[in-house]
Amino acid sequence: MFFTGIAGAIAPGDPDVGSSEQSSKGVNSHGVLTYGITDQMMIFGEAARGFRYGGMNEPAPVTFCATQLAALGLMESPESFGSEHLWSYTLGEKGTFVDGRLIVNIDGFYVLWDDVQSIHPLSSGYSYTEIAGKIKSRGVELESKVRAPTSNHLVGLVDVNTDGIYQPGNLQYWGRLRTIGLHAHVKF
């Protein structure tokens, strides 16, 4: 593997060269169970496992980064980083009501994300990828569509509400994401 950067353009002018190996094994599995309560309504459960390969880092030149790396207990930037994994679980309902004029879909989800690949920036402008912490995310998603009885006017509403916990080591970051969108589609 060959990398170059600003350190390669400054005396002595030799490019930064690094070599490393990283291997990853993983499977992305997915399972869904559905049950039709009526012809217009079903419930479902889903479990899925996600996997992302690890990789190699561009070497951060010791010329510029030695002090920052030493503060992290490193002699040089890590040559590689491992794979990350997650499990996600969803339970929900999909239904059509009022002669097909009202659609209501709702589900709750829970995601457990382990060994998160995270960019670690250095103040010198270089960075490296590392495995840092876990993320837990949970929330409710609501989607509804209403068709007006006298036209082809269609209105949809999407509401996603999630809470997340990011835990790199002993630090915790609590985040909240709430999005609401209103969409209108009119046919003439």
C-alpha atoms as a PDB file:
ATOM      1  CA  MET A   1       0.000   0.000   0.000  1.00  0.00           C
ATOM      2  CA  PHE A   2       1.370   3.451  -0.911  1.00  0.00           C
ATOM      3  CA  PHE A   3       0.283   6.789   0.519  1.00  0.00           C
ATOM      4  CA  THR A   4       1.599  10.282   0.158  1.00  0.00           C
ATOM      5  CA  GLY A   5       0.634  13.606   1.627  1.00  0.00           C
ATOM      6  CA  ILE A   6       2.020  16.959   2.704  1.00  0.00           C
ATOM      7  CA  ALA A   7       4.870  15.255   4.573  1.00  0.00           C
ATOM      8  CA  GLY A   8       6.030  13.742   1.299  1.00  0.00           C
ATOM      9  CA  ALA A   9       6.310  17.197  -0.262  1.00  0.00           C
ATOM     10  CA  ILE A  10       8.621  18.592   2.417  1.00  0.00           C
ATOM     11  CA  ALA A  11      12.286  17.686   2.931  1.00  0.00           C
ATOM     12  CA  PRO A  12      13.534  15.095   2.649  1.00  0.00           C
ATOM     13  CA  GLY A  13      10.691  14.697   0.160  1.00  0.00           C
ATOM     14  CA  ASP A  14      10.252  10.970   0.535  1.00  0.00           C
ATOM     15  CA  PRO A  15       6.643   9.825   0.376  1.00  0.00           C
ATOM     16  CA  ASP A  16       5.068   8.274   3.449  1.00  0.00           C
ATOM     17  CA  VAL A  17       4.884   4.583   2.790  1.00  0.00           C
ATOM     18  CA  GLY A  18       2.983   2.149   4.910  1.00  0.00           C
ATOM     19  CA  SER A  19       2.088  -1.470   4.705  1.00  0.00           C
ATOM     20  CA  SER A  20      -0.452  -3.367   6.760  1.00  0.00           C
ATOM     21  CA  GLU A  21      -2.868  -6.236   6.688  1.00  0.00           C
ATOM     22  CA  GLN A  22      -6.387  -6.444   7.971  1.00  0.00           C
ATOM     23  CA  SER A  23      -8.841  -9.271   7.540  1.00  0.00           C
ATOM     24  CA  SER A  24     -12.547  -9.278   8.278  1.00  0.00           C
ATOM     25  CA  LYS A  25     -15.224 -11.921   8.272  1.00  0.00           C
ATOM     26  CA  GLY A  26     -18.889 -11.241   8.600  1.00  0.00           C
ATOM     27  CA  VAL A  27     -22.385 -12.091   7.514  1.00  0.00           C
ATOM     28  CA  ASN A  28     -25.307  -9.753   6.952  1.00  0.00           C
ATOM     29  CA  SER A  29     -28.365 -11.770   7.937  1.00  0.00           C
ATOM     30  CA  HIS A  30     -31.962 -10.605   7.784  1.00  0.00           C
ATOM     31  CA  GLY A  31     -35.211 -12.203   8.956  1.00  0.00           C
ATOM     32  CA  VAL A  32     -38.809 -11.005   8.792  1.00  0.00           C
ATOM     33  CA  LEU A  33     -42.017 -12.509  10.165  1.00  0.00           C
ATOM     34  CA  THR A  34     -45.383 -11.135   9.025  1.00  0.00           C
ATOM     35  CA  TYR A  35     -48.936 -11.913   9.998  1.00  0.00           C
ATOM     36  CA  GLY A  36     -51.978 -10.650   8.112  1.00  0.00           C
ATOM     37  CA  ILE A  37     -54.661  -9.762  10.660  1.00  0.00           C
ATOM     38  CA  THR A  38     -57.047  -8.803   7.836  1.00  0.00           C
ATOM     39  CA  ASP A  39     -56.644  -8.124   4.125  1.00  0.00           C
ATOM     40  CA  GLN A  40     -56.002  -4.480   5.050  1.00  0.00           C
ATOM     41  CA  MET A  41     -53.745  -4.864   8.099  1.00  0.00           C
ATOM     42  CA  MET A  42     -50.600  -6.778   8.955  1.00  0.00           C
ATOM     43  CA  ILE A  43     -48.102  -6.858  11.780  1.00  0.00           C
ATOM     44  CA  PHE A  44     -44.433  -7.694  11.391  1.00  0.00           C
ATOM     45  CA  GLY A  45     -41.208  -8.285  13.247  1.00  0.00           C
ATOM     46  CA  GLU A  46     -37.751  -7.970  11.771  1.00  0.00           C
ATOM     47  CA  ALA A  47     -34.211  -8.676  12.917  1.00  0.00           C
ATOM     48  CA  ALA A  48     -31.122  -7.857  10.880  1.00  0.00           C
ATOM     49  CA  ARG A  49     -27.395  -8.022  11.450  1.00  0.00           C
ATOM     50  CA  GLY A  50     -25.132  -5.538   9.703  1.00  0.00           C
ATOM     51  CA  PHE A  51     -21.408  -5.813   9.110  1.00  0.00           C
ATOM     52  CA  ARG A  52     -18.852  -3.424   7.616  1.00  0.00           C
ATOM     53  CA  TYR A  53     -15.309  -4.418   6.708  1.00  0.00           C
ATOM     54  CA  GLY A  54     -12.338  -2.951   8.504  1.00  0.00           C
ATOM     55  CA  GLY A  55      -9.556  -1.305   6.554  1.00  0.00           C
ATOM     56  CA  MET A  56      -6.174   0.378   6.516  1.00  0.00           C
ATOM     57  CA  ASN A  57      -5.267   3.871   7.652  1.00  0.00           C
ATOM     58  CA  GLU A  58      -3.161   6.399   5.813  1.00  0.00           C
ATOM     59  CA  PRO A  59      -0.048   6.843   7.963  1.00  0.00           C
ATOM     60  CA  ALA A  60       0.000  10.105   9.923  1.00  0.00           C
ATOM     61  CA  PRO A  61       3.551  11.440   9.523  1.00  0.00           C
ATOM     62  CA  VAL A  62       5.456  11.373  12.791  1.00  0.00           C
ATOM     63  CA  THR A  63       7.219  14.588  11.648  1.00  0.00           C
ATOM     64  CA  PHE A  64       3.996  16.515  12.233  1.00  0.00           C
ATOM     65  CA  CYS A  65       2.033  14.282  14.591  1.00  0.00           C
ATOM     66  CA  ALA A  66       4.515  12.836  17.158  1.00  0.00           C
ATOM     67  CA  THR A  67       3.353  15.018  20.066  1.00  0.00           C
ATOM     68  CA  GLN A  68      -0.346  14.388  19.410  1.00  0.00           C
ATOM     69  CA  LEU A  69       0.188  10.651  18.971  1.00  0.00           C
ATOM     70  CA  ALA A  70       2.332  10.465  22.138  1.00  0.00           C
ATOM     71  CA  ALA A  71      -0.470  12.148  24.119  1.00  0.00           C
ATOM     72  CA  LEU A  72      -2.678   9.241  22.995  1.00  0.00           C
ATOM     73  CA  GLY A  73      -0.045   6.699  24.032  1.00  0.00           C
ATOM     74  CA  LEU A  74       0.919   5.930  20.422  1.00  0.00           C
ATOM     75  CA  MET A  75       4.282   5.945  18.673  1.00  0.00           C
ATOM     76  CA  GLU A  76       2.561   6.139  15.264  1.00  0.00           C
ATOM     77  CA  SER A  77      -0.968   6.076  13.898  1.00  0.00           C
ATOM     78  CA  PRO A  78      -2.620   2.642  13.819  1.00  0.00           C
ATOM     79  CA  GLU A  79      -1.963   0.782  10.580  1.00  0.00           C
ATOM     80  CA  SER A  80      -5.461  -0.692  10.380  1.00  0.00           C
ATOM     81  CA  PHE A  81      -8.883  -0.817  12.025  1.00  0.00           C
ATOM     82  CA  GLY A  82     -11.321  -3.670  12.547  1.00  0.00           C
ATOM     83  CA  SER A  83     -14.822  -4.358  11.335  1.00  0.00           C
ATOM     84  CA  GLU A  84     -17.995  -3.062  12.932  1.00  0.00           C
ATOM     85  CA  HIS A  85     -21.278  -4.846  13.569  1.00  0.00           C
ATOM     86  CA  LEU A  86     -24.849  -3.978  14.407  1.00  0.00           C
ATOM     87  CA  TRP A  87     -28.125  -5.670  15.202  1.00  0.00           C
ATOM     88  CA  SER A  88     -31.414  -3.933  14.479  1.00  0.00           C
ATOM     89  CA  TYR A  89     -34.865  -5.012  15.616  1.00  0.00           C
ATOM     90  CA  THR A  90     -38.200  -3.676  14.400  1.00  0.00           C
ATOM     91  CA  LEU A  91     -41.814  -4.401  15.377  1.00  0.00           C
ATOM     92  CA  GLY A  92     -44.602  -2.728  13.479  1.00  0.00           C
ATOM     93  CA  GLU A  93     -47.952  -2.538  11.742  1.00  0.00           C
ATOM     94  CA  LYS A  94     -49.015  -1.619   8.206  1.00  0.00           C
ATOM     95  CA  GLY A  95     -52.656  -0.876   7.530  1.00  0.00           C
ATOM     96  CA  THR A  96     -55.038   0.488   4.914  1.00  0.00           C
ATOM     97  CA  PHE A  97     -58.381   1.858   6.077  1.00  0.00           C
ATOM     98  CA  VAL A  98     -61.467   3.760   4.809  1.00  0.00           C
ATOM     99  CA  ASP A  99     -61.633   1.988   1.442  1.00  0.00           C
ATOM    100  CA  GLY A 100     -57.924   2.536   0.784  1.00  0.00           C
ATOM    101  CA  ARG A 101     -58.040   6.293   1.439  1.00  0.00           C
ATOM    102  CA  LEU A 102     -56.085   6.124   4.706  1.00  0.00           C
ATOM    103  CA  ILE A 103     -52.750   4.351   5.119  1.00  0.00           C
ATOM    104  CA  VAL A 104     -51.160   4.129   8.573  1.00  0.00           C
ATOM    105  CA  ASN A 105     -47.804   2.425   9.137  1.00  0.00           C
ATOM    106  CA  ILE A 106     -46.091   2.513  12.515  1.00  0.00           C
ATOM    107  CA  ASP A 107     -43.068   0.720  13.881  1.00  0.00           C
ATOM    108  CA  GLY A 108     -40.674   0.801  16.781  1.00  0.00           C
ATOM    109  CA  PHE A 109     -36.995   0.057  16.315  1.00  0.00           C
ATOM    110  CA  TYR A 110     -33.956  -0.693  18.440  1.00  0.00           C
ATOM    111  CA  VAL A 111     -30.377  -0.737  17.098  1.00  0.00           C
ATOM    112  CA  LEU A 112     -27.261  -2.026  18.890  1.00  0.00           C
ATOM    113  CA  TRP A 113     -24.084  -0.980  17.074  1.00  0.00           C
ATOM    114  CA  ASP A 114     -20.786  -2.440  18.339  1.00  0.00           C
ATOM    115  CA  ASP A 115     -17.182  -1.581  17.491  1.00  0.00           C
ATOM    116  CA  VAL A 116     -18.077   1.658  15.716  1.00  0.00           C
ATOM    117  CA  GLN A 117     -15.545   2.821  13.115  1.00  0.00           C
ATOM    118  CA  SER A 118     -14.783   6.398  14.082  1.00  0.00           C
ATOM    119  CA  ILE A 119     -12.495   9.053  12.599  1.00  0.00           C
ATOM    120  CA  HIS A 120      -9.962  10.342  15.148  1.00  0.00           C
ATOM    121  CA  PRO A 121      -8.800  13.770  13.931  1.00  0.00           C
ATOM    122  CA  LEU A 122      -5.393  15.131  14.909  1.00  0.00           C
ATOM    123  CA  SER A 123      -4.802  18.870  15.231  1.00  0.00           C
ATOM    124  CA  SER A 124      -2.105  18.596  12.535  1.00  0.00           C
ATOM    125  CA  GLY A 125      -4.837  17.976   9.967  1.00  0.00           C
ATOM    126  CA  TYR A 126      -4.239  14.241   9.705  1.00  0.00           C
ATOM    127  CA  SER A 127      -6.602  11.618  11.064  1.00  0.00           C
ATOM    128  CA  TYR A 128      -6.997   7.894  11.389  1.00  0.00           C
ATOM    129  CA  THR A 129      -9.903   5.510  11.757  1.00  0.00           C
ATOM    130  CA  GLU A 130     -10.271   3.588  14.985  1.00  0.00           C
ATOM    131  CA  ILE A 131     -12.784   1.339  16.673  1.00  0.00           C
ATOM    132  CA  ALA A 132     -14.355   3.495  19.373  1.00  0.00           C
ATOM    133  CA  GLY A 133     -17.397   2.725  21.449  1.00  0.00           C
ATOM    134  CA  LYS A 134     -20.952   1.571  20.910  1.00  0.00           C
ATOM    135  CA  ILE A 135     -24.158   3.206  19.802  1.00  0.00           C
ATOM    136  CA  LYS A 136     -27.686   2.345  20.906  1.00  0.00           C
ATOM    137  CA  SER A 137     -30.586   3.878  19.015  1.00  0.00           C
ATOM    138  CA  ARG A 138     -34.295   3.460  19.569  1.00  0.00           C
ATOM    139  CA  GLY A 139     -37.352   5.186  18.256  1.00  0.00           C
ATOM    140  CA  VAL A 140     -40.763   5.177  16.666  1.00  0.00           C
ATOM    141  CA  GLU A 141     -41.556   5.832  13.039  1.00  0.00           C
ATOM    142  CA  LEU A 142     -45.036   6.835  11.894  1.00  0.00           C
ATOM    143  CA  GLU A 143     -46.092   7.177   8.286  1.00  0.00           C
ATOM    144  CA  SER A 144     -49.618   8.093   7.260  1.00  0.00           C
ATOM    145  CA  LYS A 145     -51.227   8.997   3.960  1.00  0.00           C
ATOM    146  CA  VAL A 146     -54.700  10.400   3.425  1.00  0.00           C
ATOM    147  CA  ARG A 147     -56.463  10.656   0.065  1.00  0.00           C
ATOM    148  CA  ALA A 148     -59.241  13.271  -0.047  1.00  0.00           C
ATOM    149  CA  PRO A 149     -62.571  11.674  -1.040  1.00  0.00           C
ATOM    150  CA  THR A 150     -63.338  13.983  -3.995  1.00  0.00           C
ATOM    151  CA  SER A 151     -59.938  14.321  -5.697  1.00  0.00           C
ATOM    152  CA  ASN A 152     -56.625  12.654  -6.303  1.00  0.00           C
ATOM    153  CA  HIS A 153     -55.025  14.855  -3.636  1.00  0.00           C
ATOM    154  CA  LEU A 154     -52.632  12.821  -1.496  1.00  0.00           C
ATOM    155  CA  VAL A 155     -51.023  14.040   1.734  1.00  0.00           C
ATOM    156  CA  GLY A 156     -48.353  12.119   3.643  1.00  0.00           C
ATOM    157  CA  LEU A 157     -46.858  12.639   7.077  1.00  0.00           C
ATOM    158  CA  VAL A 158     -43.644  11.090   8.330  1.00  0.00           C
ATOM    159  CA  ASP A 159     -42.543  11.404  11.959  1.00  0.00           C
ATOM    160  CA  VAL A 160     -39.316   9.826  13.168  1.00  0.00           C
ATOM    161  CA  ASN A 161     -38.252  10.164  16.787  1.00  0.00           C
ATOM    162  CA  THR A 162     -35.017   8.563  17.960  1.00  0.00           C
ATOM    163  CA  ASP A 163     -32.838   8.609  21.029  1.00  0.00           C
ATOM    164  CA  GLY A 164     -29.199   7.602  20.712  1.00  0.00           C
ATOM    165  CA  ILE A 165     -26.416   6.856  23.140  1.00  0.00           C
ATOM    166  CA  TYR A 166     -22.812   6.953  21.920  1.00  0.00           C
ATOM    167  CA  GLN A 167     -20.307   5.456  24.341  1.00  0.00           C
ATOM    168  CA  PRO A 168     -16.618   5.816  23.393  1.00  0.00           C
ATOM    169  CA  GLY A 169     -14.861   4.308  26.374  1.00  0.00           C
ATOM    170  CA  ASN A 170     -16.354   5.882  29.491  1.00  0.00           C
ATOM    171  CA  LEU A 171     -17.798   8.972  27.769  1.00  0.00           C
ATOM    172  CA  GLN A 172     -21.478   9.120  26.888  1.00  0.00           C
ATOM    173  CA  TYR A 173     -23.180  11.322  24.346  1.00  0.00           C
ATOM    174  CA  TRP A 174     -26.971  11.471  24.380  1.00  0.00           C
ATOM    175  CA  GLY A 175     -28.511  12.661  21.164  1.00  0.00           C
ATOM    176  CA  ARG A 176     -32.046  13.248  19.989  1.00  0.00           C
ATOM    177  CA  LEU A 177     -33.128  13.463  16.386  1.00  0.00           C
ATOM    178  CA  ARG A 178     -36.668  14.417  15.537  1.00  0.00           C
ATOM    179  CA  THR A 179     -37.805  14.961  11.992  1.00  0.00           C
ATOM    180  CA  ILE A 180     -41.263  15.768  10.754  1.00  0.00           C
ATOM    181  CA  GLY A 181     -42.106  16.123   7.101  1.00  0.00           C
ATOM    182  CA  LEU A 182     -45.361  16.974   5.364  1.00  0.00           C
ATOM    183  CA  HIS A 183     -45.596  16.098   1.707  1.00  0.00           C
ATOM    184  CA  ALA A 184     -48.391  16.888  -0.724  1.00  0.00           C
ATOM    185  CA  HIS A 185     -48.946  15.376  -4.147  1.00  0.00           C
ATOM    186  CA  VAL A 186     -51.737  16.629  -6.395  1.00  0.00           C
ATOM    187  CA  LYS A 187     -52.826  15.113  -9.700  1.00  0.00           C
ATOM    188  CA  PHE A 188     -54.862  17.200 -12.151  1.00  0.00           C
END
